[in-house]
Protein backbone atom coordinates (compact mmCIF):
# COMPACT_ATOMS: atom_id res chain seq x y z
CA MET A 1 -20.53 -49.87 -107.56
CA SER A 2 -20.59 -46.98 -110.02
CA LEU A 3 -19.06 -44.78 -107.32
CA TRP A 4 -16.07 -47.11 -106.98
CA ILE A 5 -15.68 -47.36 -110.76
CA GLY A 6 -15.67 -43.60 -111.07
CA THR A 7 -13.16 -43.28 -108.24
CA ILE A 8 -10.86 -45.83 -109.89
CA GLN A 9 -11.09 -44.05 -113.24
CA LEU A 10 -10.30 -40.74 -111.60
CA GLY A 11 -7.38 -42.28 -109.70
CA VAL A 12 -5.86 -43.84 -112.82
CA LYS A 13 -6.29 -40.55 -114.69
CA SER A 14 -4.53 -38.65 -111.90
CA LEU A 15 -1.62 -41.08 -111.91
CA TRP A 16 -1.37 -40.93 -115.69
CA LEU A 17 -0.76 -37.18 -115.51
CA HIS A 18 2.67 -38.00 -114.01
CA PRO A 19 3.73 -41.21 -115.81
CA LEU A 20 7.43 -41.15 -114.88
CA ARG A 21 6.75 -40.54 -111.20
CA SER A 22 4.11 -43.27 -111.14
CA LEU A 23 6.42 -45.68 -112.97
CA LEU A 24 9.23 -45.16 -110.45
CA THR A 25 6.80 -45.77 -107.60
CA VAL A 26 5.54 -48.96 -109.23
CA LEU A 27 9.16 -50.01 -109.75
CA GLY A 28 9.79 -49.95 -106.00
CA ILE A 29 6.93 -52.39 -105.34
CA PHE A 30 7.91 -54.45 -108.39
CA ILE A 31 11.45 -54.96 -107.05
CA GLY A 32 10.15 -55.82 -103.59
CA VAL A 33 7.64 -58.44 -104.79
CA ALA A 34 10.07 -59.97 -107.30
CA SER A 35 12.73 -60.12 -104.56
CA VAL A 36 10.39 -62.04 -102.26
CA ILE A 37 9.64 -64.66 -104.92
CA TRP A 38 13.23 -64.90 -106.23
CA LEU A 39 14.97 -65.14 -102.86
CA LEU A 40 12.50 -67.71 -101.54
CA ALA A 41 12.79 -69.72 -104.79
CA ILE A 42 16.59 -69.74 -104.69
CA SER A 43 16.72 -70.58 -100.98
CA LYS A 44 14.20 -73.40 -101.52
CA GLY A 45 16.27 -74.73 -104.42
CA ILE A 46 19.42 -74.77 -102.27
CA GLY A 47 17.53 -76.35 -99.37
CA ASP A 48 15.96 -79.00 -101.60
CA GLU A 49 19.37 -79.91 -103.03
CA ALA A 50 20.88 -80.35 -99.57
CA GLN A 51 17.86 -82.34 -98.41
CA LYS A 52 17.96 -84.54 -101.50
CA GLN A 53 21.60 -85.40 -100.86
CA ILE A 54 20.78 -86.42 -97.30
CA GLU A 55 17.77 -88.44 -98.46
CA ASN A 56 20.04 -90.21 -100.96
CA LEU A 57 22.04 -91.45 -98.00
CA GLY A 58 18.88 -93.20 -96.84
CA ALA A 59 16.64 -92.38 -93.89
CA ASP A 60 16.91 -96.02 -92.79
CA THR A 61 20.73 -96.05 -92.72
CA ILE A 62 23.39 -95.47 -90.09
CA MET A 63 27.00 -94.83 -91.09
CA ILE A 64 29.96 -95.48 -88.83
CA ARG A 65 33.11 -93.87 -90.22
CA THR A 66 36.75 -94.17 -89.27
CA ILE A 67 38.28 -90.80 -88.42
CA LYS A 68 41.90 -89.98 -87.73
CA PRO A 69 42.50 -89.61 -83.97
CA PRO A 70 44.05 -86.48 -82.48
CA SER A 71 47.81 -86.33 -83.02
CA ALA A 72 48.40 -86.84 -79.29
CA LYS A 73 46.89 -90.32 -79.57
CA MET A 74 48.94 -91.30 -82.64
CA SER A 75 52.18 -93.20 -82.29
CA THR A 76 55.35 -91.23 -83.07
CA THR A 77 57.45 -94.31 -83.74
CA GLY A 78 55.75 -95.80 -86.80
CA LEU A 79 52.61 -97.87 -87.25
CA THR A 80 49.35 -96.69 -85.65
CA PRO A 81 46.32 -98.98 -85.90
CA TYR A 82 43.00 -97.16 -85.50
CA GLY A 83 39.43 -97.05 -86.71
CA LEU A 84 36.84 -99.68 -87.47
CA THR A 85 37.82 -103.32 -87.59
CA ARG A 86 36.37 -106.45 -89.10
CA GLU A 87 35.77 -107.59 -85.55
CA ASP A 88 33.57 -104.49 -85.02
CA TYR A 89 31.63 -105.42 -88.16
CA ASP A 90 31.03 -108.98 -86.92
CA LEU A 91 30.05 -107.69 -83.49
CA LEU A 92 27.41 -105.32 -84.87
CA VAL A 93 25.93 -107.89 -87.25
CA SER A 94 25.65 -110.52 -84.52
CA THR A 95 24.45 -108.40 -81.57
CA VAL A 96 22.20 -105.60 -82.92
CA PRO A 97 18.83 -107.21 -83.79
CA THR A 98 17.36 -104.27 -85.71
CA ILE A 99 20.02 -104.35 -88.45
CA ARG A 100 18.71 -105.53 -91.83
CA SER A 101 22.04 -105.43 -93.68
CA ALA A 102 25.60 -104.22 -93.12
CA LEU A 103 28.07 -102.95 -95.72
CA PRO A 104 31.83 -102.85 -94.97
CA ILE A 105 33.92 -100.36 -96.98
CA ARG A 106 37.67 -99.83 -97.30
CA GLU A 107 39.09 -96.84 -99.20
CA MET A 108 42.60 -95.71 -100.12
CA ARG A 109 44.39 -93.50 -102.64
CA ARG A 110 46.05 -95.32 -105.51
CA GLN A 111 47.43 -94.72 -108.99
CA PHE A 112 45.78 -96.56 -111.89
CA GLN A 113 47.54 -97.23 -115.18
CA PHE A 114 46.75 -98.59 -118.62
CA LYS A 115 49.60 -98.58 -121.12
CA ASP A 116 51.18 -95.11 -120.79
CA ARG A 117 48.05 -93.44 -119.39
CA LYS A 118 47.92 -92.84 -115.62
CA LEU A 119 45.35 -91.51 -113.19
CA ASP A 120 45.37 -90.90 -109.44
CA GLY A 121 42.11 -91.89 -107.82
CA ARG A 122 40.35 -93.70 -105.01
CA LEU A 123 40.40 -97.47 -104.66
CA VAL A 124 37.27 -98.77 -102.89
CA GLY A 125 36.96 -102.26 -101.51
CA CYS A 126 33.28 -103.14 -101.13
CA THR A 127 30.53 -105.72 -101.50
CA PRO A 128 27.77 -105.83 -104.16
CA GLU A 129 25.39 -103.82 -101.91
CA TYR A 130 27.60 -100.74 -102.29
CA ALA A 131 26.12 -99.85 -105.69
CA ASP A 132 22.58 -99.89 -104.30
CA VAL A 133 23.41 -97.88 -101.18
CA THR A 134 25.30 -95.16 -103.07
CA ARG A 135 22.95 -95.31 -106.10
CA LEU A 136 25.63 -96.14 -108.66
CA LYS A 137 24.34 -97.09 -112.10
CA ILE A 138 26.08 -99.47 -114.50
CA ARG A 139 26.75 -98.24 -118.04
CA SER A 140 28.28 -101.49 -119.30
CA GLY A 141 29.26 -104.81 -117.79
CA HIS A 142 28.25 -105.52 -114.18
CA PHE A 143 29.10 -104.47 -110.63
CA ILE A 144 31.04 -106.60 -108.16
CA THR A 145 29.21 -109.87 -107.40
CA ASP A 146 29.11 -112.06 -104.29
CA ALA A 147 30.90 -114.81 -106.20
CA GLU A 148 33.76 -112.47 -107.16
CA ASN A 149 34.05 -111.29 -103.57
CA PHE A 150 34.00 -114.81 -102.16
CA ALA A 151 36.62 -116.01 -104.68
CA MET A 152 38.74 -112.85 -104.10
CA ASP A 153 38.93 -112.27 -107.86
CA THR A 154 41.14 -109.48 -109.19
CA HIS A 155 38.18 -107.84 -110.90
CA CYS A 156 37.26 -104.15 -110.80
CA VAL A 157 34.50 -101.74 -111.77
CA ILE A 158 35.58 -98.25 -112.84
CA ALA A 159 33.91 -94.84 -112.80
CA ALA A 160 33.01 -93.08 -116.06
CA LYS A 161 35.83 -90.52 -115.76
CA VAL A 162 38.40 -93.28 -115.14
CA ALA A 163 37.14 -95.05 -118.27
CA ASP A 164 37.42 -91.85 -120.33
CA ARG A 165 40.94 -91.09 -119.08
CA LEU A 166 42.45 -94.57 -119.29
CA PHE A 167 40.46 -95.94 -122.23
CA PRO A 168 39.72 -93.04 -124.61
CA TYR A 169 39.84 -95.34 -127.66
CA GLU A 170 39.14 -98.85 -126.28
CA ASP A 171 36.20 -100.59 -124.67
CA PRO A 172 37.26 -100.80 -121.00
CA VAL A 173 35.37 -104.03 -120.26
CA GLY A 174 37.75 -106.94 -120.65
CA GLN A 175 40.89 -104.78 -120.34
CA ARG A 176 43.28 -104.88 -117.37
CA ILE A 177 44.41 -101.88 -115.36
CA TYR A 178 47.65 -101.86 -113.39
CA MET A 179 48.26 -100.59 -109.84
CA PRO A 180 51.99 -99.90 -109.41
CA GLU A 181 51.87 -99.72 -105.56
CA ASN A 182 50.96 -103.37 -105.14
CA LYS A 183 52.06 -104.52 -108.62
CA ASN A 184 48.74 -106.16 -109.49
CA PHE A 185 46.56 -106.20 -112.59
CA TYR A 186 42.75 -105.99 -112.29
CA LEU A 187 40.29 -107.05 -114.95
CA VAL A 188 37.63 -104.43 -115.73
CA VAL A 189 34.20 -106.08 -115.54
CA GLY A 190 32.01 -102.98 -115.44
CA VAL A 191 31.84 -99.24 -116.16
CA LEU A 192 29.58 -96.85 -114.23
CA GLU A 193 27.42 -93.98 -115.35
CA PRO A 194 28.73 -90.51 -114.32
CA LYS A 195 27.70 -89.55 -110.78
CA SER A 196 27.90 -86.02 -109.41
CA ALA A 197 29.85 -85.38 -106.24
CA THR A 198 28.00 -85.00 -102.97
CA ALA A 199 28.50 -81.78 -101.00
CA ALA A 200 29.75 -81.77 -97.44
CA ILE A 201 26.88 -81.83 -94.95
CA GLY A 202 27.65 -79.72 -91.93
CA GLY A 203 30.49 -81.20 -89.91
CA SER A 204 29.12 -84.72 -90.07
CA MET A 205 29.76 -85.82 -93.63
CA ALA A 206 32.66 -84.84 -95.87
CA ALA A 207 32.11 -84.26 -99.57
CA GLN A 208 32.53 -87.33 -101.77
CA ASP A 209 33.71 -87.35 -105.36
CA PHE A 210 32.95 -90.60 -107.20
CA SER A 211 34.50 -89.60 -110.52
CA ASN A 212 37.95 -91.18 -109.99
CA ASP A 213 36.83 -94.37 -108.23
CA VAL A 214 37.82 -97.96 -108.91
CA TYR A 215 35.84 -100.64 -107.06
CA ILE A 216 37.18 -104.11 -106.21
CA PRO A 217 35.86 -106.91 -103.94
CA ILE A 218 36.70 -106.06 -100.33
CA LYS A 219 38.13 -109.53 -99.70
CA THR A 220 40.45 -109.09 -102.68
CA LEU A 221 41.67 -105.80 -101.20
CA GLN A 222 42.29 -107.43 -97.82
CA GLN A 223 44.26 -110.31 -99.36
CA ARG A 224 46.33 -108.44 -101.96
CA ILE A 225 46.83 -105.01 -100.36
CA GLY A 226 46.18 -105.51 -96.66
CA ASP A 227 45.43 -103.03 -93.95
CA VAL A 228 48.73 -101.15 -93.66
CA VAL A 229 49.31 -97.97 -95.61
CA MET A 230 52.85 -96.57 -95.48
CA SER A 231 53.98 -93.10 -96.47
CA PHE A 232 57.62 -92.14 -96.91
CA SER A 233 59.42 -88.81 -96.91
CA ALA A 234 63.05 -87.75 -96.92
CA SER A 235 63.27 -87.68 -93.13
CA SER A 236 60.54 -89.99 -91.85
CA ARG A 237 58.41 -93.02 -92.43
CA GLU A 238 54.81 -93.12 -91.24
CA GLY A 239 52.30 -95.92 -91.33
CA GLU A 240 48.61 -96.44 -90.59
CA SER A 241 46.74 -99.66 -90.11
CA ILE A 242 43.06 -99.35 -91.04
CA GLU A 243 40.83 -102.36 -91.59
CA LEU A 244 37.60 -100.55 -92.56
CA ASN A 245 36.89 -96.92 -93.41
CA GLN A 246 33.14 -97.22 -93.03
CA ILE A 247 30.34 -99.58 -92.06
CA THR A 248 26.92 -98.66 -93.45
CA LEU A 249 24.01 -100.24 -91.63
CA ARG A 250 20.43 -100.52 -92.83
CA VAL A 251 17.76 -100.99 -90.19
CA ARG A 252 14.49 -102.85 -90.57
CA GLU A 253 12.23 -99.86 -89.79
CA VAL A 254 12.90 -96.11 -89.93
CA ALA A 255 11.40 -95.87 -86.44
CA ASP A 256 14.29 -98.04 -85.17
CA VAL A 257 17.06 -95.77 -86.50
CA LYS A 258 17.71 -93.71 -83.36
CA ARG A 259 17.50 -96.69 -81.02
CA THR A 260 19.84 -98.66 -83.28
CA ALA A 261 22.31 -95.76 -83.33
CA GLU A 262 22.39 -95.81 -79.52
CA LEU A 263 23.02 -99.58 -79.54
CA VAL A 264 25.83 -99.10 -82.07
CA GLU A 265 27.50 -96.44 -79.94
CA ASP A 266 27.27 -98.71 -76.89
CA ALA A 267 28.68 -101.69 -78.80
CA LEU A 268 31.61 -99.63 -80.11
CA SER A 269 32.26 -97.74 -76.87
CA ILE A 270 35.78 -99.18 -76.84
CA HIS A 271 36.64 -96.59 -79.51
CA SER A 272 35.69 -93.62 -77.29
CA LYS A 273 39.16 -93.58 -75.73
CA MET A 274 40.89 -93.42 -79.11
CA GLU A 275 38.26 -91.05 -80.62
CA ASP A 276 38.70 -92.77 -83.97
CA ILE A 277 35.11 -93.33 -85.16
CA ALA A 278 32.04 -91.19 -85.83
CA VAL A 279 28.42 -92.35 -86.02
CA VAL A 280 26.39 -90.47 -88.64
CA VAL A 281 22.59 -90.76 -88.70
CA PRO A 282 21.13 -89.33 -91.97
CA LEU A 283 17.65 -89.22 -90.39
CA GLU A 284 18.90 -86.71 -87.81
CA LEU A 285 20.69 -84.76 -90.54
CA LEU A 286 17.45 -84.72 -92.54
CA GLU A 287 15.52 -83.26 -89.61
CA GLN A 288 18.25 -80.66 -89.08
CA ALA A 289 18.23 -79.81 -92.78
CA ARG A 290 14.48 -79.22 -92.74
CA THR A 291 14.78 -76.90 -89.75
CA THR A 292 17.74 -75.08 -91.27
CA ARG A 293 15.93 -74.68 -94.60
CA ALA A 294 12.87 -73.20 -92.88
CA MET A 295 15.06 -70.74 -90.96
CA PHE A 296 16.98 -69.85 -94.12
CA MET A 297 13.78 -69.18 -96.06
CA VAL A 298 12.40 -67.00 -93.25
CA PHE A 299 15.65 -65.05 -93.19
CA MET A 300 15.64 -64.55 -96.97
CA GLY A 301 11.98 -63.54 -96.82
CA MET A 302 12.81 -60.90 -94.21
CA ILE A 303 15.53 -59.51 -96.46
CA ALA A 304 13.08 -59.34 -99.36
CA ALA A 305 10.49 -57.69 -97.10
CA ILE A 306 12.90 -54.80 -96.63
CA SER A 307 12.60 -54.09 -100.35
CA LEU A 308 8.81 -53.97 -99.99
CA LEU A 309 9.18 -51.62 -97.03
CA VAL A 310 11.35 -49.31 -99.13
CA GLY A 311 8.75 -49.48 -101.90
CA GLY A 312 6.02 -48.57 -99.40
CA ILE A 313 7.99 -45.58 -98.19
CA GLY A 314 8.33 -44.53 -101.82
CA ILE A 315 4.54 -44.66 -102.20
CA MET A 316 4.04 -42.55 -99.08
CA ASN A 317 6.59 -40.02 -100.27
CA ILE A 318 4.99 -39.70 -103.70
CA MET A 319 1.46 -39.43 -102.29
CA LEU A 320 2.49 -36.76 -99.77
CA ALA A 321 3.98 -34.76 -102.64
CA THR A 322 0.79 -35.37 -104.62
CA VAL A 323 -1.36 -34.06 -101.76
CA THR A 324 0.64 -30.84 -101.70
CA GLU A 325 0.41 -30.43 -105.47
CA ARG A 326 -3.35 -31.11 -105.53
CA THR A 327 -4.33 -28.95 -102.57
CA ARG A 328 -6.50 -26.67 -104.70
CA GLU A 329 -8.16 -29.67 -106.40
CA ILE A 330 -9.01 -31.12 -102.99
CA GLY A 331 -10.49 -27.76 -101.91
CA ILE A 332 -12.66 -27.58 -105.01
CA ARG A 333 -13.94 -31.14 -104.49
CA ARG A 334 -14.76 -30.39 -100.85
CA ALA A 335 -16.53 -27.16 -101.87
CA LEU A 336 -18.62 -29.12 -104.35
CA GLY A 337 -19.83 -31.47 -101.61
CA ALA A 338 -17.22 -34.23 -101.43
CA LYS A 339 -16.94 -35.69 -97.93
CA ARG A 340 -13.73 -36.63 -96.16
CA ARG A 341 -14.31 -40.31 -96.85
CA ASP A 342 -14.53 -39.53 -100.59
CA ILE A 343 -11.09 -37.88 -100.50
CA ILE A 344 -9.65 -40.76 -98.46
CA ARG A 345 -11.15 -43.27 -100.89
CA GLN A 346 -9.67 -41.46 -103.88
CA PHE A 347 -6.12 -41.42 -102.51
CA LEU A 348 -6.31 -45.00 -101.26
CA VAL A 349 -7.48 -46.09 -104.70
CA GLU A 350 -4.46 -44.38 -106.25
CA THR A 351 -2.01 -46.02 -103.85
CA SER A 352 -3.73 -49.39 -104.38
CA VAL A 353 -3.44 -49.04 -108.16
CA LEU A 354 0.29 -48.29 -107.82
CA SER A 355 0.92 -51.21 -105.47
CA LEU A 356 -1.21 -53.66 -107.47
CA ALA A 357 0.55 -52.70 -110.70
CA GLY A 358 3.91 -53.25 -109.02
CA GLY A 359 2.72 -56.46 -107.35
CA ILE A 360 1.32 -58.10 -110.49
CA SER A 361 4.36 -57.20 -112.61
CA GLY A 362 6.65 -58.39 -109.79
CA ILE A 363 4.83 -61.73 -109.61
CA LEU A 364 5.09 -62.24 -113.38
CA PHE A 365 8.81 -61.47 -113.27
CA GLY A 366 9.23 -63.68 -110.21
CA LEU A 367 7.82 -66.67 -112.10
CA LEU A 368 10.71 -66.29 -114.55
CA CYS A 369 13.21 -67.03 -111.78
CA GLY A 370 14.11 -70.52 -113.01
CA PRO A 371 14.67 -69.66 -116.70
CA ALA A 372 16.48 -66.44 -115.75
CA VAL A 373 18.90 -68.21 -113.39
CA ASN A 374 19.56 -70.98 -115.94
CA GLY A 375 20.14 -68.40 -118.68
CA ALA A 376 22.51 -66.42 -116.47
CA ARG A 377 24.37 -69.64 -115.61
CA ILE A 378 24.76 -70.54 -119.30
CA LEU A 379 26.16 -67.08 -120.10
CA ALA A 380 28.48 -67.22 -117.08
CA ASN A 381 29.78 -70.61 -118.23
CA LEU A 382 30.49 -69.16 -121.67
CA TRP A 383 32.17 -65.97 -120.47
CA PHE A 384 33.74 -67.06 -117.18
CA GLU A 385 34.34 -70.77 -117.66
CA LYS A 386 37.32 -71.07 -115.29
CA GLN A 387 35.67 -69.06 -112.51
CA MET A 388 32.45 -71.08 -112.76
CA ALA A 389 34.40 -74.36 -112.64
CA GLY A 390 35.86 -73.31 -109.30
CA LEU A 391 32.48 -72.66 -107.71
CA PRO A 392 30.76 -75.26 -105.48
CA ASP A 393 28.50 -77.75 -107.23
CA VAL A 394 25.42 -76.36 -105.51
CA VAL A 395 26.01 -72.98 -107.20
CA ARG A 396 26.53 -74.55 -110.62
CA THR A 397 23.61 -76.94 -110.47
CA VAL A 398 20.96 -75.55 -108.11
CA GLN A 399 17.50 -75.17 -109.64
CA PRO A 400 15.32 -72.44 -108.08
CA ALA A 401 11.91 -73.71 -107.02
CA VAL A 402 9.15 -71.11 -106.75
CA VAL A 403 7.36 -71.44 -103.42
CA PRO A 404 3.62 -71.55 -104.31
CA GLU A 405 2.66 -69.71 -101.11
CA SER A 406 4.95 -66.81 -102.03
CA ILE A 407 2.76 -65.77 -105.00
CA PRO A 408 -0.51 -64.96 -103.18
CA GLY A 409 1.56 -63.86 -100.19
CA ALA A 410 3.52 -61.34 -102.25
CA PHE A 411 0.31 -60.12 -103.92
CA PHE A 412 -1.53 -59.43 -100.66
CA ILE A 413 1.57 -57.96 -99.05
CA SER A 414 1.97 -55.52 -101.95
CA LEU A 415 -1.70 -54.53 -101.61
CA ALA A 416 -1.31 -54.12 -97.86
CA VAL A 417 1.80 -51.97 -98.37
CA GLY A 418 -0.15 -49.67 -100.68
CA LEU A 419 -3.03 -49.33 -98.22
CA VAL A 420 -0.89 -48.92 -95.10
CA PHE A 421 1.48 -46.38 -96.59
CA GLY A 422 -1.37 -44.57 -98.35
CA ILE A 423 -3.49 -44.04 -95.25
CA TYR A 424 -1.46 -41.14 -93.82
CA PRO A 425 -1.38 -39.09 -97.08
CA ALA A 426 -5.11 -39.81 -97.59
CA MET A 427 -5.96 -38.70 -94.05
CA ARG A 428 -3.85 -35.59 -94.45
CA ALA A 429 -5.64 -34.71 -97.66
CA ALA A 430 -9.08 -35.32 -96.09
CA LYS A 431 -8.34 -33.11 -93.07
CA MET A 432 -7.52 -30.05 -95.17
CA ASN A 433 -9.60 -26.97 -94.52
CA PRO A 434 -11.59 -26.42 -97.77
CA ILE A 435 -11.29 -22.59 -97.52
CA GLU A 436 -7.52 -22.73 -97.02
CA ALA A 437 -7.23 -25.30 -99.81
CA LEU A 438 -9.10 -23.02 -102.26
CA ARG A 439 -6.73 -20.15 -101.45
CA HIS A 440 -3.69 -22.34 -102.22
CA GLU A 441 -1.82 -21.42 -105.39
């Protein structure tokens, strides 16, 4: 034990004779270890955010969405009916036994007005279950009820941003907003809490922004607005007839999701010719997201490992230069009775001290990933507000999550780098001829 303590003391003393050179060597390992922890933490944060958004869709849900058919299948003479129908909804509810509940949704762009204040947003016709499925929270009033839907009341629930824009000075609940397109007034019965937009998920789900939404009973929308949406231009008039934009199904058991999705595709096979619907299974997206996240983290870890490799090469370079500088010292030690293993041990101790110093400092700095990223984001928002506003939500909101396994992993990797890249210089020093080493000037 005393032999190892003496060797360590001698190694530290030798390194201290060249503090700047030792510090630069430690810096290489420090950057490598910190990079491993930071890159894995950031990639895990991004992966967790994407996975959370998919989980929010519900692992027990299946979504059937209306999509616009290819232009070749659209009519060139006017009205083109396509997409999901109320008949499709009734068919699924009555024939697929594993369905626990079904939610029909109709969406369209509309202008909302109160006094002289106007806002373009999304009008959503839905049932009371919509708030639960999309995790909307009420700030005041209440969401659409079954009674309001059954009676086809002209009631609405508005998003927080709509309330702020149209009612900056009034309490929205009890007020009436006007929709110029269909010349109807709607009584505000509820206001929602702010909800962040969801990012697009691969090619299966488009991004959704809930900030400009107004929700009304779906039966009210069908009665007062209908299914036809017309658009006019100077030279043409185009129309679309869409009954439902989406049907969200909830199955009884998660294990039934894939089988139910197959039954849904079979039941709606009539749409395959028109290519106007898409079946989205969040459970499959969740499995894909987990695989993608694992691959992404491995890739980022490999990039960080390159930094450790560069740091290891730096250690080897410094130790080879040290061997040359200390040739006479090695000769004297060999002449005084030191064996080859003693020389090897001394140089390996020095490389281990360098790598451990870099590894420990890199780990400590790596643990500051979260606060550092949040601090950098705050400064960027202060100095580059417009540029930050244009970035995707995931960049502006992602929270790095340190991977626990990366800490001991980075520590042992840094130690291994020191040992591996220190072996060759140590062996070279040990193989020196003592007589030739003593003659070295």
